[in-house]
Amino acid sequence: MAHDTSAQAHAEHAPEWEVSVWPFVISFGILFALPVAFAFKFVYEMPFAAILALGVGTPMIVAGIAGWVKEGMGSHHGEGLAFPAMGWFILAEAMIFVSMFAAYWFNRLTADAWPPAGSVELPRLLPLVMTFVLVASSFTIHHAEALLHKGERAGFTRWLIVTMALGSVFLGMSAYEWNHLFHLNFTPGTNVFSTAFFSITGLHGSHVIVGLGIFIAVLLPALKGRINTPFVRTASLYWHFVDIIWFFVVSQVYYW
């Protein structure tokens, strides 16, 4: 009898293994959206195939992020750790941006002339509009969170949708800008400046996509009346980080 009791206690304290398909979905999405799409575009010179790869990969990334976050929201394991864990994640992501900015600063400050040959003049007005849109989205998600704390769930959902719309508009403007620069033959392989420009803005854009994926995972249950307040707080923190990073991007890459 004592042995049975000990075995039962051990089973109760044994860790529960959780298996998720969403990391595989995200991985295959990244595969299509980055190496496959870039290979079609810049190696094989097949732009339509590159667009198709992006069209397959990007929705897979967003869906994978949304599904993975939704699983986490529906689990009672580690839910209280979401907010402090996001702080550590943001710190790690910030270090990636710091390394990219450091490489950019080194190349710029040691170059004989800047911008290097082959560069084009970057848009001056569009980055300001993009900044306004992204800053506005930071205010809207803050307002949505404030409404949630007041118990106004319908208002929270509306302002979350507004935030997602603003983030989508930002991505649309970034895609328009990239397309315009590509038509000017300013690509990631043009020179060291173009490599830095597309790397930094692309990395930031990928973080916007991640933020939208997290918001989708929050929105879908919210439309059914289920809102996980700790994850809303965590998602909001991540979105503010994305906004703050953009100030460094726009000031250093566009106007310096």
C-alpha atoms as a PDB file:
ATOM      1  CA  MET A   1       0.000   0.000   0.000  1.00  0.00           C
ATOM      2  CA  ALA A   2       2.825   2.394   0.835  1.00  0.00           C
ATOM      3  CA  HIS A   3       4.463   1.559  -2.479  1.00  0.00           C
ATOM      4  CA  ASP A   4       1.253   2.390  -4.354  1.00  0.00           C
ATOM      5  CA  THR A   5       0.946   5.715  -2.517  1.00  0.00           C
ATOM      6  CA  SER A   6       4.550   6.606  -3.373  1.00  0.00           C
ATOM      7  CA  ALA A   7       4.029   5.730  -7.035  1.00  0.00           C
ATOM      8  CA  GLN A   8       0.856   7.839  -7.167  1.00  0.00           C
ATOM      9  CA  ALA A   9       2.631  10.825  -5.605  1.00  0.00           C
ATOM     10  CA  HIS A  10       5.481  10.483  -8.094  1.00  0.00           C
ATOM     11  CA  ALA A  11       3.017  10.409 -10.996  1.00  0.00           C
ATOM     12  CA  GLU A  12       1.297  13.553  -9.722  1.00  0.00           C
ATOM     13  CA  HIS A  13       4.598  15.452  -9.604  1.00  0.00           C
ATOM     14  CA  ALA A  14       5.979  14.086 -12.876  1.00  0.00           C
ATOM     15  CA  PRO A  15       6.378  16.728 -15.604  1.00  0.00           C
ATOM     16  CA  GLU A  16       3.736  16.758 -18.317  1.00  0.00           C
ATOM     17  CA  TRP A  17       5.187  16.621 -21.817  1.00  0.00           C
ATOM     18  CA  GLU A  18       3.483  18.894 -24.295  1.00  0.00           C
ATOM     19  CA  VAL A  19       3.825  18.371 -28.038  1.00  0.00           C
ATOM     20  CA  SER A  20       2.975  21.129 -30.512  1.00  0.00           C
ATOM     21  CA  VAL A  21       2.907  21.128 -34.298  1.00  0.00           C
ATOM     22  CA  TRP A  22       3.187  24.905 -34.551  1.00  0.00           C
ATOM     23  CA  PRO A  23       7.013  25.177 -34.320  1.00  0.00           C
ATOM     24  CA  PHE A  24       7.197  22.988 -37.430  1.00  0.00           C
ATOM     25  CA  VAL A  25       4.695  25.226 -39.216  1.00  0.00           C
ATOM     26  CA  ILE A  26       6.759  28.311 -38.333  1.00  0.00           C
ATOM     27  CA  SER A  27       9.990  26.608 -39.437  1.00  0.00           C
ATOM     28  CA  PHE A  28       8.612  25.668 -42.839  1.00  0.00           C
ATOM     29  CA  GLY A  29       7.140  29.154 -43.191  1.00  0.00           C
ATOM     30  CA  ILE A  30      10.553  30.711 -42.552  1.00  0.00           C
ATOM     31  CA  LEU A  31      12.069  28.274 -45.046  1.00  0.00           C
ATOM     32  CA  PHE A  32       9.718  29.423 -47.802  1.00  0.00           C
ATOM     33  CA  ALA A  33       9.695  33.121 -46.877  1.00  0.00           C
ATOM     34  CA  LEU A  34      13.460  33.585 -46.550  1.00  0.00           C
ATOM     35  CA  PRO A  35      15.952  31.203 -48.229  1.00  0.00           C
ATOM     36  CA  VAL A  36      13.561  29.825 -50.863  1.00  0.00           C
ATOM     37  CA  ALA A  37      12.105  33.218 -51.804  1.00  0.00           C
ATOM     38  CA  PHE A  38      15.524  34.893 -51.856  1.00  0.00           C
ATOM     39  CA  ALA A  39      17.007  32.082 -53.935  1.00  0.00           C
ATOM     40  CA  PHE A  40      14.228  32.371 -56.517  1.00  0.00           C
ATOM     41  CA  LYS A  41      14.629  36.147 -56.675  1.00  0.00           C
ATOM     42  CA  PHE A  42      18.380  36.713 -56.537  1.00  0.00           C
ATOM     43  CA  VAL A  43      19.916  33.411 -57.665  1.00  0.00           C
ATOM     44  CA  TYR A  44      17.531  31.986 -60.238  1.00  0.00           C
ATOM     45  CA  GLU A  45      15.953  35.356 -61.211  1.00  0.00           C
ATOM     46  CA  MET A  46      12.412  34.006 -60.964  1.00  0.00           C
ATOM     47  CA  PRO A  47      10.478  36.855 -59.291  1.00  0.00           C
ATOM     48  CA  PHE A  48       7.052  35.234 -59.690  1.00  0.00           C
ATOM     49  CA  ALA A  49       8.256  32.070 -57.974  1.00  0.00           C
ATOM     50  CA  ALA A  50       9.707  34.255 -55.196  1.00  0.00           C
ATOM     51  CA  ILE A  51       6.311  35.924 -54.731  1.00  0.00           C
ATOM     52  CA  LEU A  52       4.654  32.514 -54.543  1.00  0.00           C
ATOM     53  CA  ALA A  53       7.173  31.379 -51.926  1.00  0.00           C
ATOM     54  CA  LEU A  54       6.496  34.501 -49.881  1.00  0.00           C
ATOM     55  CA  GLY A  55       2.767  33.950 -50.314  1.00  0.00           C
ATOM     56  CA  VAL A  56       3.128  30.467 -48.857  1.00  0.00           C
ATOM     57  CA  GLY A  57       5.723  31.207 -46.183  1.00  0.00           C
ATOM     58  CA  THR A  58       4.394  34.411 -44.626  1.00  0.00           C
ATOM     59  CA  PRO A  59       0.883  33.078 -43.807  1.00  0.00           C
ATOM     60  CA  MET A  60       2.492  29.936 -42.386  1.00  0.00           C
ATOM     61  CA  ILE A  61       4.662  32.045 -40.075  1.00  0.00           C
ATOM     62  CA  VAL A  62       1.712  34.149 -38.879  1.00  0.00           C
ATOM     63  CA  ALA A  63      -0.530  31.096 -38.456  1.00  0.00           C
ATOM     64  CA  GLY A  64       2.216  29.203 -36.632  1.00  0.00           C
ATOM     65  CA  ILE A  65       2.842  32.057 -34.212  1.00  0.00           C
ATOM     66  CA  ALA A  66      -0.883  32.521 -33.615  1.00  0.00           C
ATOM     67  CA  GLY A  67      -1.424  28.799 -33.053  1.00  0.00           C
ATOM     68  CA  TRP A  68       1.548  28.445 -30.722  1.00  0.00           C
ATOM     69  CA  VAL A  69       0.543  31.468 -28.638  1.00  0.00           C
ATOM     70  CA  LYS A  70      -3.049  30.232 -28.520  1.00  0.00           C
ATOM     71  CA  GLU A  71      -1.822  26.912 -27.129  1.00  0.00           C
ATOM     72  CA  GLY A  72       0.118  28.768 -24.470  1.00  0.00           C
ATOM     73  CA  MET A  73      -2.915  30.871 -23.606  1.00  0.00           C
ATOM     74  CA  GLY A  74      -4.998  27.747 -23.160  1.00  0.00           C
ATOM     75  CA  SER A  75      -2.470  26.097 -20.876  1.00  0.00           C
ATOM     76  CA  HIS A  76      -2.186  26.642 -17.137  1.00  0.00           C
ATOM     77  CA  HIS A  77       1.547  25.857 -17.199  1.00  0.00           C
ATOM     78  CA  GLY A  78       3.773  28.891 -16.791  1.00  0.00           C
ATOM     79  CA  GLU A  79       1.029  31.381 -17.479  1.00  0.00           C
ATOM     80  CA  GLY A  80       2.216  33.596 -14.652  1.00  0.00           C
ATOM     81  CA  LEU A  81       5.705  33.627 -16.139  1.00  0.00           C
ATOM     82  CA  ALA A  82       4.568  35.096 -19.457  1.00  0.00           C
ATOM     83  CA  PHE A  83       5.257  38.749 -18.634  1.00  0.00           C
ATOM     84  CA  PRO A  84       8.728  38.405 -17.000  1.00  0.00           C
ATOM     85  CA  ALA A  85       9.724  35.848 -19.643  1.00  0.00           C
ATOM     86  CA  MET A  86       8.833  38.349 -22.350  1.00  0.00           C
ATOM     87  CA  GLY A  87      11.202  40.813 -20.698  1.00  0.00           C
ATOM     88  CA  TRP A  88      14.093  38.374 -21.090  1.00  0.00           C
ATOM     89  CA  PHE A  89      13.047  37.611 -24.655  1.00  0.00           C
ATOM     90  CA  ILE A  90      12.993  41.323 -25.505  1.00  0.00           C
ATOM     91  CA  LEU A  91      16.478  41.721 -24.035  1.00  0.00           C
ATOM     92  CA  ALA A  92      17.764  38.912 -26.245  1.00  0.00           C
ATOM     93  CA  GLU A  93      16.107  40.424 -29.322  1.00  0.00           C
ATOM     94  CA  ALA A  94      17.504  43.846 -28.502  1.00  0.00           C
ATOM     95  CA  MET A  95      21.013  42.378 -28.518  1.00  0.00           C
ATOM     96  CA  ILE A  96      20.443  41.148 -32.078  1.00  0.00           C
ATOM     97  CA  PHE A  97      19.483  44.650 -33.165  1.00  0.00           C
ATOM     98  CA  VAL A  98      22.476  46.108 -31.309  1.00  0.00           C
ATOM     99  CA  SER A  99      24.840  43.798 -33.191  1.00  0.00           C
ATOM    100  CA  MET A 100      23.329  44.813 -36.535  1.00  0.00           C
ATOM    101  CA  PHE A 101      23.489  48.508 -35.690  1.00  0.00           C
ATOM    102  CA  ALA A 102      27.090  48.096 -34.521  1.00  0.00           C
ATOM    103  CA  ALA A 103      28.034  46.555 -37.873  1.00  0.00           C
ATOM    104  CA  TYR A 104      26.256  49.386 -39.672  1.00  0.00           C
ATOM    105  CA  TRP A 105      27.987  52.061 -37.593  1.00  0.00           C
ATOM    106  CA  PHE A 106      31.390  50.449 -38.120  1.00  0.00           C
ATOM    107  CA  ASN A 107      30.965  50.296 -41.898  1.00  0.00           C
ATOM    108  CA  ARG A 108      29.671  53.826 -42.093  1.00  0.00           C
ATOM    109  CA  LEU A 109      32.278  55.443 -39.848  1.00  0.00           C
ATOM    110  CA  THR A 110      35.195  53.660 -41.521  1.00  0.00           C
ATOM    111  CA  ALA A 111      34.059  54.209 -45.115  1.00  0.00           C
ATOM    112  CA  ASP A 112      35.925  56.702 -47.282  1.00  0.00           C
ATOM    113  CA  ALA A 113      32.623  57.985 -48.668  1.00  0.00           C
ATOM    114  CA  TRP A 114      29.026  57.484 -47.648  1.00  0.00           C
ATOM    115  CA  PRO A 115      26.685  56.428 -49.090  1.00  0.00           C
ATOM    116  CA  PRO A 116      28.784  54.065 -51.238  1.00  0.00           C
ATOM    117  CA  ALA A 117      28.546  53.889 -55.005  1.00  0.00           C
ATOM    118  CA  GLY A 118      25.328  52.402 -56.311  1.00  0.00           C
ATOM    119  CA  SER A 119      23.179  53.785 -53.515  1.00  0.00           C
ATOM    120  CA  VAL A 120      19.908  55.614 -54.167  1.00  0.00           C
ATOM    121  CA  GLU A 121      18.251  58.361 -52.193  1.00  0.00           C
ATOM    122  CA  LEU A 122      15.903  56.834 -49.664  1.00  0.00           C
ATOM    123  CA  PRO A 123      12.367  58.209 -49.289  1.00  0.00           C
ATOM    124  CA  ARG A 124      12.139  61.050 -46.785  1.00  0.00           C
ATOM    125  CA  LEU A 125       8.396  61.397 -46.239  1.00  0.00           C
ATOM    126  CA  LEU A 126       7.350  57.743 -46.159  1.00  0.00           C
ATOM    127  CA  PRO A 127       9.438  56.846 -43.061  1.00  0.00           C
ATOM    128  CA  LEU A 128       7.745  59.702 -41.183  1.00  0.00           C
ATOM    129  CA  VAL A 129       4.325  58.379 -42.125  1.00  0.00           C
ATOM    130  CA  MET A 130       5.398  54.878 -41.097  1.00  0.00           C
ATOM    131  CA  THR A 131       6.605  56.270 -37.771  1.00  0.00           C
ATOM    132  CA  PHE A 132       3.281  58.025 -37.176  1.00  0.00           C
ATOM    133  CA  VAL A 133       1.360  54.819 -37.936  1.00  0.00           C
ATOM    134  CA  LEU A 134       3.491  52.674 -35.638  1.00  0.00           C
ATOM    135  CA  VAL A 135       3.411  55.187 -32.784  1.00  0.00           C
ATOM    136  CA  ALA A 136      -0.369  55.435 -33.181  1.00  0.00           C
ATOM    137  CA  SER A 137      -0.593  51.652 -32.877  1.00  0.00           C
ATOM    138  CA  SER A 138       1.310  51.810 -29.596  1.00  0.00           C
ATOM    139  CA  PHE A 139      -1.288  54.230 -28.228  1.00  0.00           C
ATOM    140  CA  THR A 140      -4.190  52.125 -29.488  1.00  0.00           C
ATOM    141  CA  ILE A 141      -2.948  48.905 -27.859  1.00  0.00           C
ATOM    142  CA  HIS A 142      -2.359  50.822 -24.618  1.00  0.00           C
ATOM    143  CA  HIS A 143      -5.910  52.160 -24.800  1.00  0.00           C
ATOM    144  CA  ALA A 144      -7.218  48.645 -25.513  1.00  0.00           C
ATOM    145  CA  GLU A 145      -5.396  47.310 -22.468  1.00  0.00           C
ATOM    146  CA  ALA A 146      -6.797  50.127 -20.308  1.00  0.00           C
ATOM    147  CA  LEU A 147     -10.331  49.300 -21.452  1.00  0.00           C
ATOM    148  CA  LEU A 148      -9.760  45.651 -20.588  1.00  0.00           C
ATOM    149  CA  HIS A 149      -8.742  46.569 -17.050  1.00  0.00           C
ATOM    150  CA  LYS A 150     -12.027  48.512 -16.767  1.00  0.00           C
ATOM    151  CA  GLY A 151     -13.958  45.439 -17.832  1.00  0.00           C
ATOM    152  CA  GLU A 152     -14.943  46.840 -21.245  1.00  0.00           C
ATOM    153  CA  ARG A 153     -14.250  43.751 -23.317  1.00  0.00           C
ATOM    154  CA  ALA A 154     -16.028  44.948 -26.454  1.00  0.00           C
ATOM    155  CA  GLY A 155     -13.990  48.161 -26.433  1.00  0.00           C
ATOM    156  CA  PHE A 156     -10.808  46.159 -25.932  1.00  0.00           C
ATOM    157  CA  THR A 157     -11.573  44.011 -28.959  1.00  0.00           C
ATOM    158  CA  ARG A 158     -12.317  47.025 -31.169  1.00  0.00           C
ATOM    159  CA  TRP A 159      -9.084  48.799 -30.293  1.00  0.00           C
ATOM    160  CA  LEU A 160      -7.084  45.590 -30.660  1.00  0.00           C
ATOM    161  CA  ILE A 161      -8.419  45.322 -34.212  1.00  0.00           C
ATOM    162  CA  VAL A 162      -7.450  48.956 -34.836  1.00  0.00           C
ATOM    163  CA  THR A 163      -3.933  48.175 -33.591  1.00  0.00           C
ATOM    164  CA  MET A 164      -3.666  45.200 -35.915  1.00  0.00           C
ATOM    165  CA  ALA A 165      -4.913  47.285 -38.838  1.00  0.00           C
ATOM    166  CA  LEU A 166      -2.242  49.921 -38.160  1.00  0.00           C
ATOM    167  CA  GLY A 167       0.450  47.241 -37.960  1.00  0.00           C
ATOM    168  CA  SER A 168      -0.727  45.808 -41.275  1.00  0.00           C
ATOM    169  CA  VAL A 169      -0.646  49.257 -42.871  1.00  0.00           C
ATOM    170  CA  PHE A 170       2.925  49.679 -41.637  1.00  0.00           C
ATOM    171  CA  LEU A 171       3.928  46.385 -43.249  1.00  0.00           C
ATOM    172  CA  GLY A 172       2.174  47.381 -46.460  1.00  0.00           C
ATOM    173  CA  MET A 173       4.134  50.633 -46.635  1.00  0.00           C
ATOM    174  CA  SER A 174       7.381  48.771 -45.965  1.00  0.00           C
ATOM    175  CA  ALA A 175       6.599  46.319 -48.776  1.00  0.00           C
ATOM    176  CA  TYR A 176       5.808  49.239 -51.102  1.00  0.00           C
ATOM    177  CA  GLU A 177       9.122  50.874 -50.238  1.00  0.00           C
ATOM    178  CA  TRP A 178      11.097  47.676 -50.833  1.00  0.00           C
ATOM    179  CA  ASN A 179       9.373  47.153 -54.177  1.00  0.00           C
ATOM    180  CA  HIS A 180      10.182  50.740 -55.193  1.00  0.00           C
ATOM    181  CA  LEU A 181      13.850  50.311 -54.256  1.00  0.00           C
ATOM    182  CA  PHE A 182      14.075  46.995 -56.097  1.00  0.00           C
ATOM    183  CA  HIS A 183      12.838  48.711 -59.263  1.00  0.00           C
ATOM    184  CA  LEU A 184      15.660  51.223 -58.796  1.00  0.00           C
ATOM    185  CA  ASN A 185      18.100  48.272 -58.735  1.00  0.00           C
ATOM    186  CA  PHE A 186      18.820  48.900 -55.066  1.00  0.00           C
ATOM    187  CA  THR A 187      18.838  45.373 -53.640  1.00  0.00           C
ATOM    188  CA  PRO A 188      20.490  43.638 -50.666  1.00  0.00           C
ATOM    189  CA  GLY A 189      23.490  42.830 -52.860  1.00  0.00           C
ATOM    190  CA  THR A 190      24.064  46.327 -54.280  1.00  0.00           C
ATOM    191  CA  ASN A 191      26.586  47.484 -51.667  1.00  0.00           C
ATOM    192  CA  VAL A 192      27.266  47.448 -47.936  1.00  0.00           C
ATOM    193  CA  PHE A 193      24.637  50.133 -47.301  1.00  0.00           C
ATOM    194  CA  SER A 194      21.888  48.196 -49.082  1.00  0.00           C
ATOM    195  CA  THR A 195      22.838  45.051 -47.183  1.00  0.00           C
ATOM    196  CA  ALA A 196      22.533  46.898 -43.875  1.00  0.00           C
ATOM    197  CA  PHE A 197      19.319  48.660 -44.898  1.00  0.00           C
ATOM    198  CA  PHE A 198      17.424  45.549 -45.971  1.00  0.00           C
ATOM    199  CA  SER A 199      18.794  43.479 -43.093  1.00  0.00           C
ATOM    200  CA  ILE A 200      17.788  45.959 -40.389  1.00  0.00           C
ATOM    201  CA  THR A 201      14.407  46.950 -41.828  1.00  0.00           C
ATOM    202  CA  GLY A 202      13.670  43.324 -42.702  1.00  0.00           C
ATOM    203  CA  LEU A 203      14.480  42.177 -39.179  1.00  0.00           C
ATOM    204  CA  HIS A 204      12.200  44.842 -37.773  1.00  0.00           C
ATOM    205  CA  GLY A 205       9.446  43.914 -40.212  1.00  0.00           C
ATOM    206  CA  SER A 206       9.696  40.288 -39.115  1.00  0.00           C
ATOM    207  CA  HIS A 207       9.090  41.417 -35.544  1.00  0.00           C
ATOM    208  CA  VAL A 208       5.981  43.287 -36.658  1.00  0.00           C
ATOM    209  CA  ILE A 209       4.749  40.059 -38.267  1.00  0.00           C
ATOM    210  CA  VAL A 210       5.372  38.200 -35.008  1.00  0.00           C
ATOM    211  CA  GLY A 211       3.440  40.878 -33.110  1.00  0.00           C
ATOM    212  CA  LEU A 212       0.479  40.555 -35.470  1.00  0.00           C
ATOM    213  CA  GLY A 213       0.561  36.780 -35.033  1.00  0.00           C
ATOM    214  CA  ILE A 214       0.391  37.203 -31.261  1.00  0.00           C
ATOM    215  CA  PHE A 215      -2.494  39.650 -31.605  1.00  0.00           C
ATOM    216  CA  ILE A 216      -4.386  37.186 -33.812  1.00  0.00           C
ATOM    217  CA  ALA A 217      -4.029  34.576 -31.080  1.00  0.00           C
ATOM    218  CA  VAL A 218      -5.449  37.083 -28.584  1.00  0.00           C
ATOM    219  CA  LEU A 219      -8.210  38.327 -30.890  1.00  0.00           C
ATOM    220  CA  LEU A 220      -9.788  35.005 -31.907  1.00  0.00           C
ATOM    221  CA  PRO A 221     -10.660  33.929 -28.323  1.00  0.00           C
ATOM    222  CA  ALA A 222     -11.653  37.524 -27.497  1.00  0.00           C
ATOM    223  CA  LEU A 223     -14.285  37.456 -30.231  1.00  0.00           C
ATOM    224  CA  LYS A 224     -15.813  34.503 -28.379  1.00  0.00           C
ATOM    225  CA  GLY A 225     -15.675  36.291 -25.042  1.00  0.00           C
ATOM    226  CA  ARG A 226     -12.499  34.645 -23.725  1.00  0.00           C
ATOM    227  CA  ILE A 227      -9.659  37.026 -22.893  1.00  0.00           C
ATOM    228  CA  ASN A 228      -6.438  36.022 -21.185  1.00  0.00           C
ATOM    229  CA  THR A 229      -5.380  39.202 -19.394  1.00  0.00           C
ATOM    230  CA  PRO A 230      -1.751  38.157 -18.620  1.00  0.00           C
ATOM    231  CA  PHE A 231      -1.129  37.401 -22.289  1.00  0.00           C
ATOM    232  CA  VAL A 232      -2.682  40.714 -23.341  1.00  0.00           C
ATOM    233  CA  ARG A 233      -0.234  42.482 -21.058  1.00  0.00           C
ATOM    234  CA  THR A 234       2.631  40.422 -22.484  1.00  0.00           C
ATOM    235  CA  ALA A 235       1.579  41.058 -26.096  1.00  0.00           C
ATOM    236  CA  SER A 236       1.330  44.788 -25.402  1.00  0.00           C
ATOM    237  CA  LEU A 237       4.834  44.844 -23.933  1.00  0.00           C
ATOM    238  CA  TYR A 238       6.232  43.142 -27.041  1.00  0.00           C
ATOM    239  CA  TRP A 239       4.459  45.610 -29.342  1.00  0.00           C
ATOM    240  CA  HIS A 240       5.877  48.594 -27.457  1.00  0.00           C
ATOM    241  CA  PHE A 241       9.348  47.079 -27.898  1.00  0.00           C
ATOM    242  CA  VAL A 242       8.792  46.837 -31.658  1.00  0.00           C
ATOM    243  CA  ASP A 243       7.750  50.499 -31.725  1.00  0.00           C
ATOM    244  CA  ILE A 244      10.782  51.655 -29.749  1.00  0.00           C
ATOM    245  CA  ILE A 245      13.173  49.746 -32.013  1.00  0.00           C
ATOM    246  CA  TRP A 246      11.677  51.518 -35.028  1.00  0.00           C
ATOM    247  CA  PHE A 247      12.854  54.896 -33.676  1.00  0.00           C
ATOM    248  CA  PHE A 248      16.433  53.611 -33.832  1.00  0.00           C
ATOM    249  CA  VAL A 249      15.883  52.198 -37.319  1.00  0.00           C
ATOM    250  CA  VAL A 250      14.383  55.348 -38.779  1.00  0.00           C
ATOM    251  CA  SER A 251      16.859  57.726 -37.124  1.00  0.00           C
ATOM    252  CA  GLN A 252      20.013  55.765 -37.962  1.00  0.00           C
ATOM    253  CA  VAL A 253      19.236  54.259 -41.359  1.00  0.00           C
ATOM    254  CA  TYR A 254      17.012  56.886 -42.983  1.00  0.00           C
ATOM    255  CA  TYR A 255      18.062  60.258 -41.561  1.00  0.00           C
ATOM    256  CA  TRP A 256      21.669  59.902 -40.473  1.00  0.00           C
END
